[in-house]
């Protein structure tokens, strides 16, 4: 996620960091420890509305 503009770059980093943190929290609050050990993470998705929110935030900064 590289942008020419520093403000957008900082914001993109912030959104990426939020995404990473929310992913971890989603997993530990959705699945048990036992499930997490055998879970195929490629089959797990964050709620679509979260992804749409991040996309909207990024689009608002790039305007």
Protein backbone atom coordinates (compact mmCIF):
# COMPACT_ATOMS: atom_id res chain seq x y z
CA UNK A 1 0.00 0.00 0.00
CA UNK A 2 2.28 2.72 -1.15
CA UNK A 3 1.04 6.19 -2.00
CA UNK A 4 2.95 9.26 -3.16
CA UNK A 5 1.29 11.49 -0.62
CA UNK A 6 2.42 11.15 3.03
CA UNK A 7 -1.06 11.79 4.44
CA UNK A 8 -2.57 9.01 2.38
CA UNK A 9 0.38 6.76 3.20
CA UNK A 10 -0.10 7.30 6.93
CA UNK A 11 -3.84 6.76 6.63
CA UNK A 12 -3.39 3.60 4.57
CA UNK A 13 -1.00 2.28 7.21
CA UNK A 14 -3.57 3.09 9.88
CA UNK A 15 -6.30 1.21 8.01
CA UNK A 16 -3.99 -1.76 7.39
CA UNK A 17 -3.06 -1.85 11.08
CA UNK A 18 -6.73 -1.68 12.08
CA UNK A 19 -7.48 -4.51 9.66
CA UNK A 20 -4.71 -6.64 11.18
CA UNK A 21 -5.87 -6.01 14.76
CA UNK A 22 -9.52 -6.63 13.95
CA UNK A 23 -8.60 -9.89 12.21
CA UNK A 24 -6.87 -11.14 15.35
CA UNK A 25 -9.72 -10.04 17.61
CA UNK A 26 -12.32 -11.55 15.29
CA UNK A 27 -10.56 -14.92 15.38
CA UNK A 28 -10.17 -15.11 19.14
CA UNK A 29 -13.73 -13.97 19.79
CA UNK A 30 -15.30 -16.20 17.14
CA UNK A 31 -13.44 -19.50 17.57
CA UNK A 32 -12.27 -21.55 20.53
CA UNK A 33 -8.59 -22.32 21.06
CA UNK A 34 -9.21 -25.87 19.86
CA UNK A 35 -10.95 -24.65 16.69
CA UNK A 36 -8.17 -22.17 15.96
CA UNK A 37 -5.55 -24.92 16.03
CA UNK A 38 -7.23 -26.84 13.21
CA UNK A 39 -8.94 -23.98 11.37
CA UNK A 40 -8.20 -23.40 7.70
CA UNK A 41 -7.79 -19.61 7.79
CA UNK A 42 -8.30 -19.39 4.05
CA UNK A 43 -11.93 -20.29 4.72
CA UNK A 44 -12.49 -17.44 7.21
CA UNK A 45 -13.73 -13.99 6.21
CA UNK A 46 -14.23 -10.82 8.16
CA UNK A 47 -17.73 -9.41 8.03
CA UNK A 48 -18.28 -7.70 4.68
CA UNK A 49 -19.53 -4.49 6.30
CA UNK A 50 -16.14 -4.05 8.00
CA UNK A 51 -14.34 -4.34 4.67
CA UNK A 52 -16.73 -1.88 3.06
CA UNK A 53 -16.13 0.59 5.92
CA UNK A 54 -12.35 0.43 5.41
CA UNK A 55 -12.74 0.84 1.66
CA UNK A 56 -14.97 3.87 2.19
CA UNK A 57 -12.43 5.40 4.58
CA UNK A 58 -9.62 4.90 2.07
CA UNK A 59 -11.69 6.32 -0.77
CA UNK A 60 -12.54 9.42 1.29
CA UNK A 61 -8.86 10.16 1.91
CA UNK A 62 -7.83 9.69 -1.71
CA UNK A 63 -10.39 12.22 -2.99
